[in-house]
Amino acid sequence: MPFSNSHNALKLRFPAEDEFPDLSAHNNHMAKVLTPELYAELRAKSTPSGFTLDDVIQTGVDNPGHPYIMTVGCVAGDEESYDVFKDLFDPIIEDRHGGYKPSDEHKTDLNPDNLQVRGGGRDQPSRRHNDNKTFLVWVNEEDHLRVISMQKGGNMKEVFTRFCTGLTQIETLFKSKNYEFMWNPHLGYILTCPSNLGTGLRAGVHIKLPHLGKHEKFSEVLKRLRLQKRGTGGVDTAAVGGVFDVSNADRLGFSEVELVQMVVDGVKLLIEMEQRLEQGQAIDDLMPAQK
């Protein structure tokens, strides 16, 4: 169903400077990029479905920031949003995705055979689980679909293989109905939130790091491994009992296999560091190089 942009026509009766939102207390990528001049340039535009600039930025205006992560502060209402409002989206995408340029092309790899899984065996942490279900599809949550593959234990390749197989079967069903996932060479899979463009993939594990989690270099270690942490209850939660949900920080510019490999290799190093600290030993020689 197309969006109604009648409200935008009414707003255009007023000067852009009167309608520009107060972002002085905001901490998100949108607030960093949007200027009064850019707002004036884009406010009269809309996508074929009627999505406007005010629709794009509304979530970032309503939510000033997040205590743990730098939020994006904007959403796309359709695939065309990324073209119509590219002067806003391009610098936000570049800022959020580590310098990903408008000229860059995304790569995809959903072949689990390309994953060289080197893990900590039985020491590897377990994934989040829910009533022993290992493959789920959520409809109309943040995006149209959320595809989830998960299980207990440390067999990341098995989890990833199930994810790839399920995703392929879903797309085959779509194509039989003359539909397909939105995808283009620059942005990869098109999602509502710019933070998930590219693969849209978050490969996470629950791992207990009571010593490393308190170490002064923990955040730097994660940054160098291109990983991020959150509590096991979700993005708004803190670690309990030294247990963290650790996942890839990137979505765009790396293939699915590359991102899962980062998690596998990174978790292996985190386990080694935790074991060192547990024995009262230093971890300086294990610090990863800056990527």
Protein backbone atom coordinates (compact mmCIF):
# COMPACT_ATOMS: atom_id res chain seq x y z
CA MET A 1 0.00 0.00 0.00
CA PRO A 2 1.51 3.37 -1.01
CA PHE A 3 2.33 5.90 1.68
CA SER A 4 0.24 9.05 1.81
CA ASN A 5 2.36 12.17 1.43
CA SER A 6 -0.48 14.65 1.85
CA HIS A 7 1.06 15.69 5.16
CA ASN A 8 4.23 16.61 3.29
CA ALA A 9 2.31 18.92 0.95
CA LEU A 10 0.96 20.76 3.98
CA LYS A 11 4.39 21.09 5.55
CA LEU A 12 5.80 22.57 2.35
CA ARG A 13 3.69 25.65 2.96
CA PHE A 14 6.11 26.56 5.74
CA PRO A 15 9.78 27.56 5.32
CA ALA A 16 12.29 24.72 5.63
CA GLU A 17 14.07 26.47 8.50
CA ASP A 18 10.83 26.41 10.50
CA GLU A 19 10.38 22.68 9.94
CA PHE A 20 13.99 21.59 10.51
CA PRO A 21 14.05 19.44 13.69
CA ASP A 22 16.15 20.36 16.71
CA LEU A 23 18.91 17.71 16.69
CA SER A 24 21.25 19.44 19.14
CA ALA A 25 20.84 16.73 21.79
CA HIS A 26 20.81 13.79 19.36
CA ASN A 27 23.50 11.15 19.01
CA ASN A 28 22.86 9.20 15.84
CA HIS A 29 24.28 9.05 12.32
CA MET A 30 21.36 10.95 10.81
CA ALA A 31 21.85 13.88 13.19
CA LYS A 32 25.54 14.04 12.21
CA VAL A 33 24.73 14.27 8.50
CA LEU A 34 21.48 16.22 8.21
CA THR A 35 21.94 19.99 7.92
CA PRO A 36 19.33 22.72 7.41
CA GLU A 37 20.59 23.09 3.84
CA LEU A 38 20.27 19.37 3.08
CA TYR A 39 16.85 19.27 4.71
CA ALA A 40 15.67 22.15 2.51
CA GLU A 41 17.05 20.39 -0.58
CA LEU A 42 15.35 17.04 0.08
CA ARG A 43 12.14 17.86 1.96
CA ALA A 44 9.96 18.23 -1.14
CA LYS A 45 11.03 14.91 -2.64
CA SER A 46 9.26 11.58 -2.24
CA THR A 47 9.58 8.05 -3.60
CA PRO A 48 6.99 6.60 -6.02
CA SER A 49 5.23 5.03 -3.03
CA GLY A 50 5.03 8.40 -1.26
CA PHE A 51 7.85 8.04 1.31
CA THR A 52 9.23 11.46 2.26
CA LEU A 53 12.30 12.85 3.98
CA ASP A 54 10.33 13.40 7.18
CA ASP A 55 9.34 9.72 7.07
CA VAL A 56 13.01 8.78 6.62
CA ILE A 57 14.25 10.74 9.65
CA GLN A 58 11.28 10.42 12.02
CA THR A 59 12.73 7.55 14.05
CA GLY A 60 15.97 9.49 14.58
CA VAL A 61 14.10 12.61 15.61
CA ASP A 62 11.96 10.69 18.12
CA ASN A 63 14.92 8.72 19.55
CA PRO A 64 17.94 10.91 20.38
CA GLY A 65 20.38 8.04 20.85
CA HIS A 66 21.26 4.78 22.54
CA PRO A 67 23.30 4.21 25.71
CA TYR A 68 25.40 1.40 24.22
CA ILE A 69 25.58 1.86 20.45
CA MET A 70 25.54 4.63 17.87
CA THR A 71 22.13 4.29 16.22
CA VAL A 72 21.48 5.11 12.57
CA GLY A 73 18.51 7.41 13.11
CA CYS A 74 16.74 6.86 9.81
CA VAL A 75 14.91 4.19 7.82
CA ALA A 76 14.05 3.45 4.19
CA GLY A 77 10.41 2.96 3.29
CA ASP A 78 11.17 1.24 -0.01
CA GLU A 79 14.08 0.42 -2.30
CA GLU A 80 13.81 3.77 -4.08
CA SER A 81 14.47 5.62 -0.81
CA TYR A 82 18.19 4.92 -1.16
CA ASP A 83 18.21 6.71 -4.56
CA VAL A 84 15.79 9.58 -3.93
CA PHE A 85 17.47 10.49 -0.63
CA LYS A 86 20.97 9.33 -1.53
CA ASP A 87 22.52 12.65 -0.44
CA LEU A 88 21.45 11.73 3.10
CA PHE A 89 21.82 7.96 2.96
CA ASP A 90 25.23 7.78 1.24
CA PRO A 91 27.21 9.61 3.96
CA ILE A 92 25.28 7.76 6.68
CA ILE A 93 26.11 4.42 5.05
CA GLU A 94 29.75 5.45 4.63
CA ASP A 95 29.95 6.51 8.28
CA ARG A 96 28.18 3.43 9.64
CA HIS A 97 29.97 0.89 7.45
CA GLY A 98 33.59 1.92 7.88
CA GLY A 99 34.12 4.07 4.81
CA TYR A 100 31.94 2.16 2.33
CA LYS A 101 31.83 4.49 -0.69
CA PRO A 102 28.92 5.10 -3.12
CA SER A 103 31.08 3.54 -5.84
CA ASP A 104 31.83 0.35 -3.86
CA GLU A 105 30.22 -2.97 -4.78
CA HIS A 106 29.02 -5.52 -2.27
CA LYS A 107 29.84 -9.23 -2.56
CA THR A 108 27.76 -12.16 -1.41
CA ASP A 109 28.74 -15.75 -0.60
CA LEU A 110 26.19 -18.19 0.77
CA ASN A 111 28.29 -21.30 0.18
CA PRO A 112 28.97 -22.86 3.61
CA ASP A 113 31.74 -24.99 2.08
CA ASN A 114 33.81 -21.80 1.89
CA LEU A 115 33.81 -21.45 5.69
CA GLN A 116 37.43 -22.84 7.22
CA VAL A 117 35.93 -23.40 10.65
CA ARG A 118 38.67 -23.35 13.21
CA GLY A 119 37.06 -23.24 16.64
CA GLY A 120 37.57 -24.05 20.25
CA GLY A 121 35.72 -27.34 19.99
CA ARG A 122 33.80 -28.04 23.16
CA ASP A 123 35.06 -24.77 24.62
CA GLN A 124 33.25 -22.80 21.91
CA PRO A 125 30.25 -20.88 23.24
CA SER A 126 26.65 -21.76 22.45
CA ARG A 127 24.12 -19.83 20.39
CA ARG A 128 20.90 -18.47 21.75
CA HIS A 129 18.14 -21.02 21.65
CA ASN A 130 14.38 -21.01 22.10
CA ASP A 131 12.41 -24.18 22.85
CA ASN A 132 14.94 -26.21 20.86
CA LYS A 133 13.83 -24.63 17.57
CA THR A 134 16.78 -24.34 15.21
CA PHE A 135 15.27 -22.51 12.22
CA LEU A 136 12.66 -19.76 12.39
CA VAL A 137 11.25 -17.06 10.14
CA TRP A 138 9.75 -13.93 11.69
CA VAL A 139 7.38 -11.94 9.48
CA ASN A 140 6.93 -8.15 9.61
CA GLU A 141 9.12 -7.42 12.59
CA GLU A 142 11.75 -4.71 11.92
CA ASP A 143 11.97 -5.85 8.30
CA HIS A 144 9.66 -7.98 6.20
CA LEU A 145 11.47 -11.17 7.16
CA ARG A 146 13.96 -12.21 9.80
CA VAL A 147 15.50 -15.61 9.13
CA ILE A 148 17.03 -17.28 12.18
CA SER A 149 19.23 -20.37 12.42
CA MET A 150 20.43 -21.33 15.90
CA GLN A 151 21.34 -24.23 18.14
CA LYS A 152 23.25 -25.15 21.27
CA GLY A 153 26.89 -26.09 21.00
CA GLY A 154 29.80 -24.75 19.01
CA ASN A 155 29.18 -26.04 15.47
CA MET A 156 29.00 -22.73 13.64
CA LYS A 157 29.27 -24.35 10.22
CA GLU A 158 26.17 -26.45 10.88
CA VAL A 159 24.23 -23.34 11.92
CA PHE A 160 25.45 -21.41 8.89
CA THR A 161 24.70 -24.28 6.50
CA ARG A 162 21.12 -24.46 7.77
CA PHE A 163 20.81 -20.68 7.36
CA CYS A 164 22.06 -20.76 3.76
CA THR A 165 19.89 -23.73 2.82
CA GLY A 166 16.79 -22.19 4.36
CA LEU A 167 17.40 -18.80 2.77
CA THR A 168 17.84 -20.42 -0.64
CA GLN A 169 14.61 -22.38 -0.26
CA ILE A 170 12.71 -19.25 0.77
CA GLU A 171 13.99 -17.34 -2.26
CA THR A 172 13.13 -20.28 -4.55
CA LEU A 173 9.56 -20.13 -3.24
CA PHE A 174 9.45 -16.37 -3.84
CA LYS A 175 10.72 -16.77 -7.40
CA SER A 176 8.06 -19.38 -8.12
CA LYS A 177 5.56 -16.58 -7.37
CA ASN A 178 7.53 -14.09 -9.54
CA TYR A 179 9.07 -12.31 -6.54
CA GLU A 180 12.61 -12.12 -5.21
CA PHE A 181 14.64 -10.46 -2.47
CA MET A 182 15.59 -6.83 -3.16
CA TRP A 183 19.29 -6.76 -3.98
CA ASN A 184 21.67 -4.56 -5.96
CA PRO A 185 25.44 -4.63 -6.58
CA HIS A 186 26.13 -1.57 -4.40
CA LEU A 187 23.95 -2.09 -1.33
CA GLY A 188 23.53 -5.86 -1.43
CA TYR A 189 20.27 -6.91 0.20
CA ILE A 190 17.98 -3.90 0.65
CA LEU A 191 16.69 -3.58 4.21
CA THR A 192 14.71 -0.97 6.11
CA CYS A 193 17.59 0.06 8.38
CA PRO A 194 20.82 1.19 6.65
CA SER A 195 22.82 -0.54 9.39
CA ASN A 196 21.76 -3.93 8.00
CA LEU A 197 22.42 -3.30 4.32
CA GLY A 198 24.65 -5.75 2.50
CA THR A 199 24.27 -9.17 4.04
CA GLY A 200 21.78 -8.29 6.79
CA LEU A 201 23.58 -11.04 8.68
CA ARG A 202 24.39 -11.12 12.40
CA ALA A 203 26.31 -14.22 13.46
CA GLY A 204 26.40 -14.28 17.25
CA VAL A 205 27.48 -16.54 20.07
CA HIS A 206 26.94 -16.46 23.79
CA ILE A 207 30.30 -16.62 25.51
CA LYS A 208 31.32 -16.38 29.16
CA LEU A 209 34.23 -13.98 29.64
CA PRO A 210 34.32 -13.07 33.34
CA HIS A 211 37.97 -11.98 33.23
CA LEU A 212 38.34 -10.57 29.73
CA GLY A 213 34.97 -8.82 30.04
CA LYS A 214 36.43 -6.68 32.85
CA HIS A 215 39.79 -6.11 31.16
CA GLU A 216 40.64 -2.55 30.12
CA LYS A 217 41.49 -3.69 26.59
CA PHE A 218 38.33 -5.72 25.99
CA SER A 219 36.63 -3.06 23.87
CA GLU A 220 39.78 -2.51 21.83
CA VAL A 221 40.15 -6.25 21.23
CA LEU A 222 36.58 -6.43 19.91
CA LYS A 223 37.11 -3.38 17.71
CA ARG A 224 40.23 -4.86 16.14
CA LEU A 225 38.42 -8.15 15.52
CA ARG A 226 35.49 -6.22 13.96
CA LEU A 227 33.16 -7.68 16.57
CA GLN A 228 30.59 -6.13 18.90
CA LYS A 229 29.12 -7.14 22.25
CA ARG A 230 25.75 -6.90 23.93
CA GLY A 231 23.93 -8.62 26.77
CA THR A 232 22.30 -11.98 26.18
CA GLY A 233 18.87 -10.41 26.54
CA GLY A 234 19.28 -8.18 23.47
CA VAL A 235 20.78 -4.90 22.35
CA ASP A 236 19.45 -2.96 25.34
CA THR A 237 20.87 -5.33 27.96
CA ALA A 238 24.20 -5.63 29.75
CA ALA A 239 26.16 -8.82 30.36
CA VAL A 240 25.07 -10.89 33.35
CA GLY A 241 27.54 -13.21 35.05
CA GLY A 242 30.21 -12.34 32.53
CA VAL A 243 28.18 -13.77 29.62
CA PHE A 244 28.19 -11.69 26.44
CA ASP A 245 26.48 -11.98 23.08
CA VAL A 246 29.37 -11.42 20.65
CA SER A 247 28.70 -10.91 16.94
CA ASN A 248 30.07 -9.33 13.77
CA ALA A 249 29.98 -5.54 13.70
CA ASP A 250 29.92 -5.33 9.89
CA ARG A 251 27.11 -6.13 7.46
CA LEU A 252 28.14 -4.34 4.26
CA GLY A 253 31.32 -4.75 2.22
CA PHE A 254 32.02 -8.31 3.37
CA SER A 255 30.40 -11.54 2.21
CA GLU A 256 28.34 -13.76 4.50
CA VAL A 257 31.15 -16.31 4.68
CA GLU A 258 33.70 -13.63 5.56
CA LEU A 259 31.55 -12.28 8.40
CA VAL A 260 30.92 -15.71 9.92
CA GLN A 261 34.64 -16.47 9.61
CA MET A 262 35.43 -13.28 11.54
CA VAL A 263 33.20 -14.46 14.36
CA VAL A 264 34.65 -17.98 14.38
CA ASP A 265 38.26 -16.78 14.40
CA GLY A 266 37.54 -13.95 16.83
CA VAL A 267 35.76 -16.17 19.34
CA LYS A 268 38.65 -18.61 19.25
CA LEU A 269 41.01 -15.77 20.23
CA LEU A 270 38.65 -14.50 22.95
CA ILE A 271 38.59 -17.97 24.50
CA GLU A 272 42.40 -18.12 24.45
CA MET A 273 42.61 -14.70 26.09
CA GLU A 274 40.08 -15.65 28.76
CA GLN A 275 42.05 -18.80 29.58
CA ARG A 276 45.26 -16.76 29.85
CA LEU A 277 43.66 -14.28 32.25
CA GLU A 278 42.10 -17.07 34.28
CA GLN A 279 45.63 -18.36 34.91
CA GLY A 280 46.89 -14.91 35.82
CA GLN A 281 48.89 -14.50 32.60
CA ALA A 282 49.24 -11.48 30.32
CA ILE A 283 47.45 -11.19 26.97
CA ASP A 284 49.50 -8.42 25.35
CA ASP A 285 51.12 -10.80 22.86
CA LEU A 286 47.65 -12.00 21.75
CA MET A 287 46.36 -8.53 20.84
CA PRO A 288 45.08 -8.70 17.24
CA ALA A 289 46.41 -6.33 14.62
CA GLN A 290 44.33 -3.31 13.69
CA LYS A 291 42.14 -4.20 10.68
